[in-house]
Amino acid sequence: MTATFSLKDIFIFSNLADEKIKEVSALLNSVELPPGEILFNKGDPGDYLVIVEQGKIAIFDPSEDQAGDEKPIRIFGPGEVLGEMALIDQQPRSLSARAEERSKILTLGQRDFKRLLIENPEMGLSVMEGLNDRIRYTTDFLSEVRQWVQKVSCGDYEIKSMDPQRDKYPDEAIATLAAEFALMTTCVQEREKELRQQVFDLHIVIDEAKRKQDFEEIIESDFFQNLKEKAKHMRQQKSN
């Protein structure tokens, strides 16, 4: 299976001339990954960017409690780029990456990436535009998540209003996150109903205990005992 895109389709290289595209192609290393293979780990040096040629690459936050089953934060498909931020800010990887299925990637090393930026200022502009789009995408989604949280905090569990439109958030991991959030709200709603029922049942128990206590206090009072003695005396007089 061959790639369904060209390097010219990738935002980083979209403004490069054809001869430069050929130069970039010669610098790329091809790597095949089996399903579940870790591409890089959180904290690793960010010394190359990744172009997904085939398959799916997921980025995730590693967890000891869910090792191997961590939910993807985002999934990258053919023609998409990841890991370029580490080349720009020269910081370690902020997340881990793994192959969600059998995949093939292309990598571009940090030294070659920097040289291409220096020699091709238009490439730097493309990188900034791509990063701006990604930041805007993330900001919009986080804003919507905030609205979801506000709805739940006000007791609004309308699930349909929480499903992002596929044309607005087409990323598979985003859709998965939205579905999990909707499921969470359903669980919260059910739990709230259960707690309300428990509180209602507790009120009944408390009321019964209070009535029993009140009854015992009444029958043990001096007034009740006097009435009891008078009633006994009246029955004795009546029987005589």
C-alpha atoms as a PDB file:
ATOM      1  CA  MET A   1       0.000   0.000   0.000  1.00  0.00           C
ATOM      2  CA  THR A   2       1.393   3.385  -0.985  1.00  0.00           C
ATOM      3  CA  ALA A   3       0.817   6.735   0.622  1.00  0.00           C
ATOM      4  CA  THR A   4      -2.242   8.646  -0.567  1.00  0.00           C
ATOM      5  CA  PHE A   5      -0.552  12.025  -0.199  1.00  0.00           C
ATOM      6  CA  SER A   6       2.558  13.842  -1.368  1.00  0.00           C
ATOM      7  CA  LEU A   7       4.964  15.898   0.708  1.00  0.00           C
ATOM      8  CA  LYS A   8       3.499  18.957  -0.982  1.00  0.00           C
ATOM      9  CA  ASP A   9       0.215  18.200   0.791  1.00  0.00           C
ATOM     10  CA  ILE A  10       1.842  18.475   4.227  1.00  0.00           C
ATOM     11  CA  PHE A  11       1.509  21.930   5.759  1.00  0.00           C
ATOM     12  CA  ILE A  12       5.204  22.197   6.693  1.00  0.00           C
ATOM     13  CA  PHE A  13       6.352  21.685   3.114  1.00  0.00           C
ATOM     14  CA  SER A  14       3.401  23.194   1.250  1.00  0.00           C
ATOM     15  CA  ASN A  15       5.278  26.364   0.220  1.00  0.00           C
ATOM     16  CA  LEU A  16       8.455  24.622  -0.970  1.00  0.00           C
ATOM     17  CA  ALA A  17       9.425  24.425  -4.612  1.00  0.00           C
ATOM     18  CA  ASP A  18       9.443  21.023  -6.318  1.00  0.00           C
ATOM     19  CA  GLU A  19      13.236  20.713  -6.227  1.00  0.00           C
ATOM     20  CA  LYS A  20      13.192  21.360  -2.473  1.00  0.00           C
ATOM     21  CA  ILE A  21      10.493  18.741  -2.027  1.00  0.00           C
ATOM     22  CA  LYS A  22      12.822  16.224  -3.669  1.00  0.00           C
ATOM     23  CA  GLU A  23      15.585  17.286  -1.268  1.00  0.00           C
ATOM     24  CA  VAL A  24      13.279  16.795   1.717  1.00  0.00           C
ATOM     25  CA  SER A  25      12.214  13.387   0.441  1.00  0.00           C
ATOM     26  CA  ALA A  26      15.857  12.266   0.366  1.00  0.00           C
ATOM     27  CA  LEU A  27      16.276  13.295   4.021  1.00  0.00           C
ATOM     28  CA  LEU A  28      13.344  11.246   5.353  1.00  0.00           C
ATOM     29  CA  ASN A  29      13.790   7.884   7.049  1.00  0.00           C
ATOM     30  CA  SER A  30      11.062   5.274   6.730  1.00  0.00           C
ATOM     31  CA  VAL A  31      10.074   3.196   9.789  1.00  0.00           C
ATOM     32  CA  GLU A  32       7.443   0.464  10.095  1.00  0.00           C
ATOM     33  CA  LEU A  33       5.658  -0.060  13.415  1.00  0.00           C
ATOM     34  CA  PRO A  34       3.581  -3.044  14.572  1.00  0.00           C
ATOM     35  CA  PRO A  35       0.366  -2.390  16.525  1.00  0.00           C
ATOM     36  CA  GLY A  36       1.080  -1.152  20.053  1.00  0.00           C
ATOM     37  CA  GLU A  37       4.696  -0.253  19.297  1.00  0.00           C
ATOM     38  CA  ILE A  38       5.914   2.777  21.277  1.00  0.00           C
ATOM     39  CA  LEU A  39       7.341   5.432  18.988  1.00  0.00           C
ATOM     40  CA  PHE A  40       8.670   7.621  21.786  1.00  0.00           C
ATOM     41  CA  ASN A  41       8.061   8.084  25.505  1.00  0.00           C
ATOM     42  CA  LYS A  42       7.246  11.145  27.548  1.00  0.00           C
ATOM     43  CA  GLY A  43      10.514  12.763  28.581  1.00  0.00           C
ATOM     44  CA  ASP A  44      12.521  11.444  25.615  1.00  0.00           C
ATOM     45  CA  PRO A  45      14.634  13.932  23.672  1.00  0.00           C
ATOM     46  CA  GLY A  46      12.640  15.559  20.883  1.00  0.00           C
ATOM     47  CA  ASP A  47      15.173  15.126  18.114  1.00  0.00           C
ATOM     48  CA  TYR A  48      12.925  14.289  15.134  1.00  0.00           C
ATOM     49  CA  LEU A  49       9.488  14.975  13.744  1.00  0.00           C
ATOM     50  CA  VAL A  50       7.140  12.312  12.448  1.00  0.00           C
ATOM     51  CA  ILE A  51       5.036  12.138   9.292  1.00  0.00           C
ATOM     52  CA  VAL A  52       2.405   9.409   9.306  1.00  0.00           C
ATOM     53  CA  GLU A  53       2.504   7.642   5.959  1.00  0.00           C
ATOM     54  CA  GLN A  54       0.174   4.738   6.758  1.00  0.00           C
ATOM     55  CA  GLY A  55      -1.853   3.663   9.791  1.00  0.00           C
ATOM     56  CA  LYS A  56      -2.570   5.616  12.961  1.00  0.00           C
ATOM     57  CA  ILE A  57      -0.263   7.082  15.600  1.00  0.00           C
ATOM     58  CA  ALA A  58      -1.737   8.062  18.975  1.00  0.00           C
ATOM     59  CA  ILE A  59      -0.256  10.448  21.499  1.00  0.00           C
ATOM     60  CA  PHE A  60      -1.136   9.784  25.131  1.00  0.00           C
ATOM     61  CA  ASP A  61      -0.140  10.572  28.697  1.00  0.00           C
ATOM     62  CA  PRO A  62       1.478   7.430  30.175  1.00  0.00           C
ATOM     63  CA  SER A  63      -0.015   6.025  33.385  1.00  0.00           C
ATOM     64  CA  GLU A  64       1.288   3.253  35.635  1.00  0.00           C
ATOM     65  CA  ASP A  65      -2.275   2.287  36.556  1.00  0.00           C
ATOM     66  CA  GLN A  66      -3.354   1.973  32.921  1.00  0.00           C
ATOM     67  CA  ALA A  67      -0.086   0.963  31.284  1.00  0.00           C
ATOM     68  CA  GLY A  68      -0.825  -0.053  27.708  1.00  0.00           C
ATOM     69  CA  ASP A  69      -4.487   1.000  27.931  1.00  0.00           C
ATOM     70  CA  GLU A  70      -4.103   4.772  28.145  1.00  0.00           C
ATOM     71  CA  LYS A  71      -6.727   6.703  26.205  1.00  0.00           C
ATOM     72  CA  PRO A  72      -5.368   8.654  23.202  1.00  0.00           C
ATOM     73  CA  ILE A  73      -5.314  12.397  23.509  1.00  0.00           C
ATOM     74  CA  ARG A  74      -5.113  12.676  19.738  1.00  0.00           C
ATOM     75  CA  ILE A  75      -4.721  10.295  16.826  1.00  0.00           C
ATOM     76  CA  PHE A  76      -2.697  11.211  13.720  1.00  0.00           C
ATOM     77  CA  GLY A  77      -3.444   9.615  10.369  1.00  0.00           C
ATOM     78  CA  PRO A  78      -1.767   9.574   6.945  1.00  0.00           C
ATOM     79  CA  GLY A  79      -0.382  12.937   5.908  1.00  0.00           C
ATOM     80  CA  GLU A  80      -0.350  14.383   9.417  1.00  0.00           C
ATOM     81  CA  VAL A  81       2.720  15.574  11.336  1.00  0.00           C
ATOM     82  CA  LEU A  82       3.567  15.229  15.018  1.00  0.00           C
ATOM     83  CA  GLY A  83       6.560  15.951  17.208  1.00  0.00           C
ATOM     84  CA  GLU A  84       7.583  19.183  15.499  1.00  0.00           C
ATOM     85  CA  MET A  85       7.032  21.212  18.675  1.00  0.00           C
ATOM     86  CA  ALA A  86       9.947  19.465  20.385  1.00  0.00           C
ATOM     87  CA  LEU A  87      12.228  20.491  17.503  1.00  0.00           C
ATOM     88  CA  ILE A  88      11.183  24.104  17.852  1.00  0.00           C
ATOM     89  CA  ASP A  89      11.326  24.583  21.634  1.00  0.00           C
ATOM     90  CA  GLN A  90      14.084  21.961  22.134  1.00  0.00           C
ATOM     91  CA  GLN A  91      12.257  20.447  25.076  1.00  0.00           C
ATOM     92  CA  PRO A  92      11.759  16.742  25.910  1.00  0.00           C
ATOM     93  CA  ARG A  93       8.643  14.999  24.640  1.00  0.00           C
ATOM     94  CA  SER A  94       5.614  16.178  26.603  1.00  0.00           C
ATOM     95  CA  LEU A  95       3.632  13.008  25.771  1.00  0.00           C
ATOM     96  CA  SER A  96       4.200   9.459  24.561  1.00  0.00           C
ATOM     97  CA  ALA A  97       3.283   8.086  21.129  1.00  0.00           C
ATOM     98  CA  ARG A  98       2.361   4.593  19.939  1.00  0.00           C
ATOM     99  CA  ALA A  99       1.055   2.866  16.839  1.00  0.00           C
ATOM    100  CA  GLU A 100      -2.668   2.145  17.146  1.00  0.00           C
ATOM    101  CA  GLU A 101      -2.409  -0.298  14.238  1.00  0.00           C
ATOM    102  CA  ARG A 102       0.263  -1.466  11.834  1.00  0.00           C
ATOM    103  CA  SER A 103       1.757   1.803  10.658  1.00  0.00           C
ATOM    104  CA  LYS A 104       4.481   3.312   8.560  1.00  0.00           C
ATOM    105  CA  ILE A 105       6.075   6.642   9.368  1.00  0.00           C
ATOM    106  CA  LEU A 106       8.661   9.005   7.965  1.00  0.00           C
ATOM    107  CA  THR A 107      11.041  10.841  10.279  1.00  0.00           C
ATOM    108  CA  LEU A 108      13.023  14.025   9.804  1.00  0.00           C
ATOM    109  CA  GLY A 109      15.933  14.695  12.151  1.00  0.00           C
ATOM    110  CA  GLN A 110      16.382  17.914  14.098  1.00  0.00           C
ATOM    111  CA  ARG A 111      19.558  18.988  12.287  1.00  0.00           C
ATOM    112  CA  ASP A 112      17.992  18.599   8.842  1.00  0.00           C
ATOM    113  CA  PHE A 113      14.803  20.302  10.021  1.00  0.00           C
ATOM    114  CA  LYS A 114      16.699  23.365  11.296  1.00  0.00           C
ATOM    115  CA  ARG A 115      18.776  23.579   8.120  1.00  0.00           C
ATOM    116  CA  LEU A 116      15.661  23.498   5.964  1.00  0.00           C
ATOM    117  CA  LEU A 117      14.119  26.284   8.054  1.00  0.00           C
ATOM    118  CA  ILE A 118      17.225  28.459   7.661  1.00  0.00           C
ATOM    119  CA  GLU A 119      17.432  27.859   3.922  1.00  0.00           C
ATOM    120  CA  ASN A 120      13.677  28.194   3.314  1.00  0.00           C
ATOM    121  CA  PRO A 121      12.023  31.005   5.308  1.00  0.00           C
ATOM    122  CA  GLU A 122       8.682  30.160   3.662  1.00  0.00           C
ATOM    123  CA  MET A 123       8.839  26.817   5.443  1.00  0.00           C
ATOM    124  CA  GLY A 124       9.042  28.609   8.794  1.00  0.00           C
ATOM    125  CA  LEU A 125       5.894  30.542   7.910  1.00  0.00           C
ATOM    126  CA  SER A 126       4.111  27.265   7.118  1.00  0.00           C
ATOM    127  CA  VAL A 127       5.206  25.816  10.459  1.00  0.00           C
ATOM    128  CA  MET A 128       3.808  28.822  12.330  1.00  0.00           C
ATOM    129  CA  GLU A 129       0.505  28.637  10.445  1.00  0.00           C
ATOM    130  CA  GLY A 130       0.202  24.945  11.248  1.00  0.00           C
ATOM    131  CA  LEU A 131       0.928  25.508  14.921  1.00  0.00           C
ATOM    132  CA  ASN A 132      -1.607  28.338  15.071  1.00  0.00           C
ATOM    133  CA  ASP A 133      -4.275  26.060  13.585  1.00  0.00           C
ATOM    134  CA  ARG A 134      -3.484  23.364  16.129  1.00  0.00           C
ATOM    135  CA  ILE A 135      -3.596  25.813  19.053  1.00  0.00           C
ATOM    136  CA  ARG A 136      -6.900  27.261  17.808  1.00  0.00           C
ATOM    137  CA  TYR A 137      -8.328  23.767  17.402  1.00  0.00           C
ATOM    138  CA  THR A 138      -7.335  22.822  20.952  1.00  0.00           C
ATOM    139  CA  THR A 139      -8.551  26.118  22.419  1.00  0.00           C
ATOM    140  CA  ASP A 140     -11.968  25.771  20.766  1.00  0.00           C
ATOM    141  CA  PHE A 141     -12.375  22.241  22.050  1.00  0.00           C
ATOM    142  CA  LEU A 142     -11.306  23.142  25.597  1.00  0.00           C
ATOM    143  CA  SER A 143     -13.824  25.972  25.535  1.00  0.00           C
ATOM    144  CA  GLU A 144     -16.541  23.498  24.636  1.00  0.00           C
ATOM    145  CA  VAL A 145     -15.406  21.116  27.386  1.00  0.00           C
ATOM    146  CA  ARG A 146     -15.716  24.007  29.848  1.00  0.00           C
ATOM    147  CA  GLN A 147     -19.312  24.505  28.716  1.00  0.00           C
ATOM    148  CA  TRP A 148     -19.986  20.788  29.240  1.00  0.00           C
ATOM    149  CA  VAL A 149     -18.592  20.974  32.778  1.00  0.00           C
ATOM    150  CA  GLN A 150     -20.763  23.998  33.538  1.00  0.00           C
ATOM    151  CA  LYS A 151     -23.850  22.141  32.291  1.00  0.00           C
ATOM    152  CA  VAL A 152     -23.096  19.143  34.499  1.00  0.00           C
ATOM    153  CA  SER A 153     -22.398  21.329  37.541  1.00  0.00           C
ATOM    154  CA  CYS A 154     -25.860  22.879  37.062  1.00  0.00           C
ATOM    155  CA  GLY A 155     -27.500  19.473  36.815  1.00  0.00           C
ATOM    156  CA  ASP A 156     -27.985  19.600  33.030  1.00  0.00           C
ATOM    157  CA  TYR A 157     -27.267  16.076  31.779  1.00  0.00           C
ATOM    158  CA  GLU A 158     -28.554  16.511  28.227  1.00  0.00           C
ATOM    159  CA  ILE A 159     -26.180  14.191  26.361  1.00  0.00           C
ATOM    160  CA  LYS A 160     -27.011  15.342  22.836  1.00  0.00           C
ATOM    161  CA  SER A 161     -25.809  18.853  23.529  1.00  0.00           C
ATOM    162  CA  MET A 162     -22.403  17.425  24.457  1.00  0.00           C
ATOM    163  CA  ASP A 163     -21.716  15.543  21.232  1.00  0.00           C
ATOM    164  CA  PRO A 164     -19.303  17.587  19.076  1.00  0.00           C
ATOM    165  CA  GLN A 165     -20.151  17.822  15.401  1.00  0.00           C
ATOM    166  CA  ARG A 166     -17.946  15.593  13.309  1.00  0.00           C
ATOM    167  CA  ASP A 167     -17.222  18.398  10.853  1.00  0.00           C
ATOM    168  CA  LYS A 168     -16.055  20.623  13.725  1.00  0.00           C
ATOM    169  CA  TYR A 169     -14.034  18.011  15.647  1.00  0.00           C
ATOM    170  CA  PRO A 170     -13.255  15.241  13.117  1.00  0.00           C
ATOM    171  CA  ASP A 171     -10.342  13.832  15.115  1.00  0.00           C
ATOM    172  CA  GLU A 172     -11.070  10.293  16.313  1.00  0.00           C
ATOM    173  CA  ALA A 173      -9.557  10.829  19.759  1.00  0.00           C
ATOM    174  CA  ILE A 174     -11.594  14.019  20.245  1.00  0.00           C
ATOM    175  CA  ALA A 175     -14.766  12.153  19.354  1.00  0.00           C
ATOM    176  CA  THR A 176     -13.771   9.384  21.783  1.00  0.00           C
ATOM    177  CA  LEU A 177     -13.164  11.936  24.544  1.00  0.00           C
ATOM    178  CA  ALA A 178     -16.569  13.500  23.902  1.00  0.00           C
ATOM    179  CA  ALA A 179     -18.247  10.084  24.043  1.00  0.00           C
ATOM    180  CA  GLU A 180     -16.490   9.254  27.308  1.00  0.00           C
ATOM    181  CA  PHE A 181     -17.509  12.601  28.770  1.00  0.00           C
ATOM    182  CA  ALA A 182     -21.117  11.913  27.793  1.00  0.00           C
ATOM    183  CA  LEU A 183     -20.882   8.478  29.414  1.00  0.00           C
ATOM    184  CA  MET A 184     -19.431  10.076  32.542  1.00  0.00           C
ATOM    185  CA  THR A 185     -22.361  12.490  32.762  1.00  0.00           C
ATOM    186  CA  THR A 186     -24.773   9.564  32.529  1.00  0.00           C
ATOM    187  CA  CYS A 187     -22.967   7.838  35.391  1.00  0.00           C
ATOM    188  CA  VAL A 188     -23.018  11.052  37.437  1.00  0.00           C
ATOM    189  CA  GLN A 189     -26.729  11.438  36.775  1.00  0.00           C
ATOM    190  CA  GLU A 190     -27.461   7.846  37.845  1.00  0.00           C
ATOM    191  CA  ARG A 191     -25.323   8.271  40.932  1.00  0.00           C
ATOM    192  CA  GLU A 192     -27.174  11.472  41.812  1.00  0.00           C
ATOM    193  CA  LYS A 193     -30.521   9.645  41.526  1.00  0.00           C
ATOM    194  CA  GLU A 194     -29.176   6.858  43.728  1.00  0.00           C
ATOM    195  CA  LEU A 195     -27.973   9.335  46.352  1.00  0.00           C
ATOM    196  CA  ARG A 196     -31.312  11.115  46.345  1.00  0.00           C
ATOM    197  CA  GLN A 197     -33.079   7.812  46.940  1.00  0.00           C
ATOM    198  CA  GLN A 198     -30.656   6.975  49.750  1.00  0.00           C
ATOM    199  CA  VAL A 199     -31.316  10.373  51.359  1.00  0.00           C
ATOM    200  CA  PHE A 200     -35.065   9.798  51.040  1.00  0.00           C
ATOM    201  CA  ASP A 201     -34.770   6.351  52.640  1.00  0.00           C
ATOM    202  CA  LEU A 202     -32.603   7.808  55.390  1.00  0.00           C
ATOM    203  CA  HIS A 203     -35.246  10.437  56.120  1.00  0.00           C
ATOM    204  CA  ILE A 204     -37.821   7.668  56.536  1.00  0.00           C
ATOM    205  CA  VAL A 205     -35.565   5.797  58.959  1.00  0.00           C
ATOM    206  CA  ILE A 206     -34.878   9.003  60.890  1.00  0.00           C
ATOM    207  CA  ASP A 207     -38.588   9.857  61.027  1.00  0.00           C
ATOM    208  CA  GLU A 208     -39.454   6.375  62.307  1.00  0.00           C
ATOM    209  CA  ALA A 209     -36.730   6.577  64.946  1.00  0.00           C
ATOM    210  CA  LYS A 210     -37.927  10.053  65.938  1.00  0.00           C
ATOM    211  CA  ARG A 211     -41.523   8.842  66.265  1.00  0.00           C
ATOM    212  CA  LYS A 212     -40.382   5.902  68.383  1.00  0.00           C
ATOM    213  CA  GLN A 213     -38.318   8.213  70.585  1.00  0.00           C
ATOM    214  CA  ASP A 214     -41.224  10.632  70.965  1.00  0.00           C
ATOM    215  CA  PHE A 215     -43.568   7.763  71.882  1.00  0.00           C
ATOM    216  CA  GLU A 216     -41.150   6.433  74.499  1.00  0.00           C
ATOM    217  CA  GLU A 217     -40.719   9.891  75.980  1.00  0.00           C
ATOM    218  CA  ILE A 218     -44.497  10.300  76.197  1.00  0.00           C
ATOM    219  CA  ILE A 219     -45.204   6.979  77.905  1.00  0.00           C
ATOM    220  CA  GLU A 220     -42.368   7.529  80.373  1.00  0.00           C
ATOM    221  CA  SER A 221     -43.463  11.040  81.328  1.00  0.00           C
ATOM    222  CA  ASP A 222     -45.007  11.805  84.733  1.00  0.00           C
ATOM    223  CA  PHE A 223     -48.120  13.137  83.025  1.00  0.00           C
ATOM    224  CA  PHE A 224     -48.669   9.881  81.154  1.00  0.00           C
ATOM    225  CA  GLN A 225     -47.981   7.815  84.286  1.00  0.00           C
ATOM    226  CA  ASN A 226     -50.524   9.884  86.255  1.00  0.00           C
ATOM    227  CA  LEU A 227     -53.089   9.353  83.499  1.00  0.00           C
ATOM    228  CA  LYS A 228     -52.322   5.666  83.534  1.00  0.00           C
ATOM    229  CA  GLU A 229     -52.862   5.467  87.315  1.00  0.00           C
ATOM    230  CA  LYS A 230     -56.103   7.434  87.101  1.00  0.00           C
ATOM    231  CA  ALA A 231     -57.372   5.147  84.333  1.00  0.00           C
ATOM    232  CA  LYS A 232     -56.479   2.104  86.456  1.00  0.00           C
ATOM    233  CA  HIS A 233     -58.252   3.582  89.455  1.00  0.00           C
ATOM    234  CA  MET A 234     -61.350   4.342  87.385  1.00  0.00           C
ATOM    235  CA  ARG A 235     -61.458   0.777  86.051  1.00  0.00           C
ATOM    236  CA  GLN A 236     -61.212  -0.573  89.598  1.00  0.00           C
ATOM    237  CA  GLN A 237     -64.064   1.663  90.759  1.00  0.00           C
ATOM    238  CA  LYS A 238     -66.169   0.603  87.800  1.00  0.00           C
ATOM    239  CA  SER A 239     -65.590  -3.076  88.517  1.00  0.00           C
ATOM    240  CA  ASN A 240     -66.685  -2.601  92.131  1.00  0.00           C
END
